[in-house]
Amino acid sequence: MAKKPKQTNKADGHGRQVVATNRRARHNYAVVDTFEAGVVLQGTEVKSLREGQASLADAFATVDDGEVWLRNLHIPAYHHGTWTNHAPRRNRKLLLHRRQIDTLVGKIRDGNLTLVPLSLYFSDGKVKVELALARGKQAHDKRQDLARRDAQREISRELGRRAKGMP
């Protein structure tokens, strides 16, 4: 029997519901490869994420002793929580296959690469993070990307004008 295609629908619990994105990551880094990893969380962290509260602004990932850790991810305390609340910026373990971890370790050790989280989301009720193996951009690379994006925007505007018959 064929599997149903994934839908983005919050009501039925299936699909992908984005909680937080790191918009500065693609500006500051050139993405080489991406990975999807599960996140080990406590109960009040999941409840806080379901309310849509998280910040990936200063977050990064490291590989320590064969385990991948997400650091500086800010999940605010659950407002209905009591003494069971979590620390907002604690280190959280990421769940990856051994082969993926070994690949990451090799690539990080070989090149000038780092692990940056791009987005945090619910996938079929489980919290996942999209990790990017990325290389830092220089200032001139960022300027070139901005110029390329502006040129592409102007081209699409001109094509739209011509399609509408405007001069």
Protein backbone atom coordinates (compact mmCIF):
# COMPACT_ATOMS: atom_id res chain seq x y z
CA MET A 1 0.00 0.00 0.00
CA ALA A 2 1.34 3.42 -0.94
CA LYS A 3 2.17 5.92 1.77
CA LYS A 4 0.08 9.09 1.92
CA PRO A 5 1.94 12.27 0.92
CA LYS A 6 2.93 14.58 3.74
CA GLN A 7 0.64 17.51 4.36
CA THR A 8 1.20 20.65 6.34
CA ASN A 9 -1.90 20.64 8.48
CA LYS A 10 -1.69 21.53 12.15
CA ALA A 11 -5.09 20.09 13.03
CA ASP A 12 -4.38 16.44 12.27
CA GLY A 13 -0.85 16.35 13.73
CA HIS A 14 0.76 15.20 10.48
CA GLY A 15 3.15 17.09 8.27
CA ARG A 16 5.64 19.78 9.16
CA GLN A 17 4.79 22.60 11.57
CA VAL A 18 7.69 25.08 11.77
CA VAL A 19 8.33 26.51 15.25
CA ALA A 20 11.46 28.62 14.64
CA THR A 21 13.80 29.44 11.78
CA ASN A 22 17.31 30.84 11.75
CA ARG A 23 17.03 33.46 9.02
CA ARG A 24 20.54 34.81 9.54
CA ALA A 25 22.13 31.41 8.95
CA ARG A 26 21.80 31.49 5.15
CA HIS A 27 23.11 35.07 5.15
CA ASN A 28 26.18 34.32 7.26
CA TYR A 29 26.95 30.80 5.99
CA ALA A 30 27.13 28.95 2.68
CA VAL A 31 25.21 25.69 3.21
CA VAL A 32 27.10 22.60 2.02
CA ASP A 33 24.75 19.84 3.22
CA THR A 34 21.67 19.49 5.44
CA PHE A 35 20.61 16.84 7.94
CA GLU A 36 17.40 16.20 9.88
CA ALA A 37 17.93 15.29 13.54
CA GLY A 38 15.64 14.51 16.42
CA VAL A 39 15.99 16.52 19.65
CA VAL A 40 15.98 15.08 23.18
CA LEU A 41 13.64 17.33 25.21
CA GLN A 42 11.88 17.47 28.56
CA GLY A 43 8.10 17.66 28.84
CA THR A 44 7.82 21.37 29.57
CA GLU A 45 10.09 22.13 26.60
CA VAL A 46 7.71 20.37 24.23
CA LYS A 47 4.73 22.23 25.71
CA SER A 48 6.54 25.55 25.27
CA LEU A 49 7.39 24.65 21.66
CA ARG A 50 3.76 23.77 20.95
CA GLU A 51 2.95 27.37 21.93
CA GLY A 52 5.37 28.44 19.17
CA GLN A 53 8.11 29.85 21.37
CA ALA A 54 11.79 29.28 20.53
CA SER A 55 14.80 31.17 19.24
CA LEU A 56 17.61 29.81 17.09
CA ALA A 57 19.41 33.17 16.92
CA ASP A 58 22.66 32.16 18.66
CA ALA A 59 22.32 28.39 18.37
CA PHE A 60 25.03 26.07 17.04
CA ALA A 61 25.84 22.37 17.21
CA THR A 62 28.99 20.56 18.30
CA VAL A 63 30.20 16.96 18.19
CA ASP A 64 31.58 15.83 21.56
CA ASP A 65 32.69 12.24 22.23
CA GLY A 66 30.68 10.85 19.31
CA GLU A 67 27.46 12.69 20.26
CA VAL A 68 25.96 15.77 18.63
CA TRP A 69 24.81 18.55 20.98
CA LEU A 70 22.69 21.61 20.22
CA ARG A 71 23.88 24.59 22.23
CA ASN A 72 22.33 28.02 22.94
CA LEU A 73 18.86 27.08 21.67
CA HIS A 74 16.48 29.25 23.69
CA ILE A 75 13.18 27.63 24.64
CA PRO A 76 11.46 29.87 27.21
CA ALA A 77 10.01 28.38 30.39
CA TYR A 78 6.49 26.98 30.07
CA HIS A 79 4.20 29.53 31.70
CA HIS A 80 1.92 26.87 33.29
CA GLY A 81 4.93 24.92 34.56
CA THR A 82 5.93 24.74 38.22
CA TRP A 83 9.13 23.44 39.76
CA THR A 84 9.35 20.97 36.84
CA ASN A 85 10.25 23.75 34.37
CA HIS A 86 13.44 23.43 32.34
CA ALA A 87 16.47 25.70 32.01
CA PRO A 88 15.86 27.86 28.92
CA ARG A 89 19.36 27.59 27.36
CA ARG A 90 20.48 24.10 28.37
CA ASN A 91 22.45 21.85 26.01
CA ARG A 92 20.23 19.40 24.14
CA LYS A 93 21.31 16.12 22.60
CA LEU A 94 20.56 15.53 18.92
CA LEU A 95 19.61 12.12 17.57
CA LEU A 96 21.47 11.07 14.42
CA HIS A 97 22.58 7.73 13.01
CA ARG A 98 26.15 6.68 13.77
CA ARG A 99 27.07 6.84 10.06
CA GLN A 100 25.80 10.44 9.86
CA ILE A 101 27.77 11.45 12.96
CA ASP A 102 30.94 9.89 11.54
CA THR A 103 30.39 11.77 8.26
CA LEU A 104 29.92 15.04 10.15
CA VAL A 105 33.05 14.50 12.23
CA GLY A 106 35.11 13.79 9.10
CA LYS A 107 33.85 16.83 7.19
CA ILE A 108 34.20 19.20 10.15
CA ARG A 109 37.74 17.98 10.81
CA ASP A 110 38.79 18.19 7.13
CA GLY A 111 37.39 21.55 6.11
CA ASN A 112 36.53 24.90 7.60
CA LEU A 113 32.93 23.82 8.31
CA THR A 114 30.52 24.23 11.20
CA LEU A 115 27.09 22.90 12.20
CA VAL A 116 24.31 25.49 12.19
CA PRO A 117 20.61 24.83 12.90
CA LEU A 118 18.36 26.21 10.14
CA SER A 119 14.91 25.43 11.52
CA LEU A 120 13.10 23.75 14.40
CA TYR A 121 9.81 22.03 13.62
CA PHE A 122 7.32 19.30 14.48
CA SER A 123 7.27 16.37 12.07
CA ASP A 124 4.49 13.86 12.78
CA GLY A 125 4.36 15.04 16.40
CA LYS A 126 8.11 14.78 17.04
CA VAL A 127 10.46 17.76 17.38
CA LYS A 128 13.12 17.85 14.67
CA VAL A 129 15.89 20.27 13.80
CA GLU A 130 17.28 20.88 10.32
CA LEU A 131 21.07 21.04 10.70
CA ALA A 132 23.30 22.53 8.04
CA LEU A 133 26.92 21.70 7.46
CA ALA A 134 28.04 25.19 6.49
CA ARG A 135 31.05 27.32 5.62
CA GLY A 136 31.26 30.90 6.87
CA LYS A 137 30.90 33.66 4.27
CA GLN A 138 33.22 36.62 3.92
CA ALA A 139 31.83 40.17 3.64
CA HIS A 140 32.39 40.30 -0.12
CA ASP A 141 30.48 37.01 -0.57
CA LYS A 142 27.51 38.50 1.28
CA ARG A 143 27.59 41.58 -0.95
CA GLN A 144 27.69 39.42 -4.08
CA ASP A 145 24.68 37.43 -2.87
CA LEU A 146 22.72 40.64 -2.23
CA ALA A 147 23.62 42.00 -5.67
CA ARG A 148 22.63 38.69 -7.33
CA ARG A 149 19.30 38.67 -5.48
CA ASP A 150 18.56 42.29 -6.46
CA ALA A 151 19.39 41.56 -10.11
CA GLN A 152 17.12 38.50 -10.09
CA ARG A 153 14.30 40.57 -8.58
CA GLU A 154 14.69 43.23 -11.31
CA ILE A 155 14.64 40.57 -14.03
CA SER A 156 11.43 39.04 -12.68
CA ARG A 157 9.81 42.49 -12.45
CA GLU A 158 10.72 43.30 -16.05
CA LEU A 159 9.40 39.94 -17.27
CA GLY A 160 6.15 40.59 -15.40
CA ARG A 161 5.82 44.02 -16.99
CA ARG A 162 6.39 42.61 -20.47
CA ALA A 163 3.85 39.83 -19.90
CA LYS A 164 1.25 42.46 -18.94
CA GLY A 165 2.08 44.56 -22.03
CA MET A 166 3.48 47.48 -20.06
CA PRO A 167 6.52 49.40 -21.36
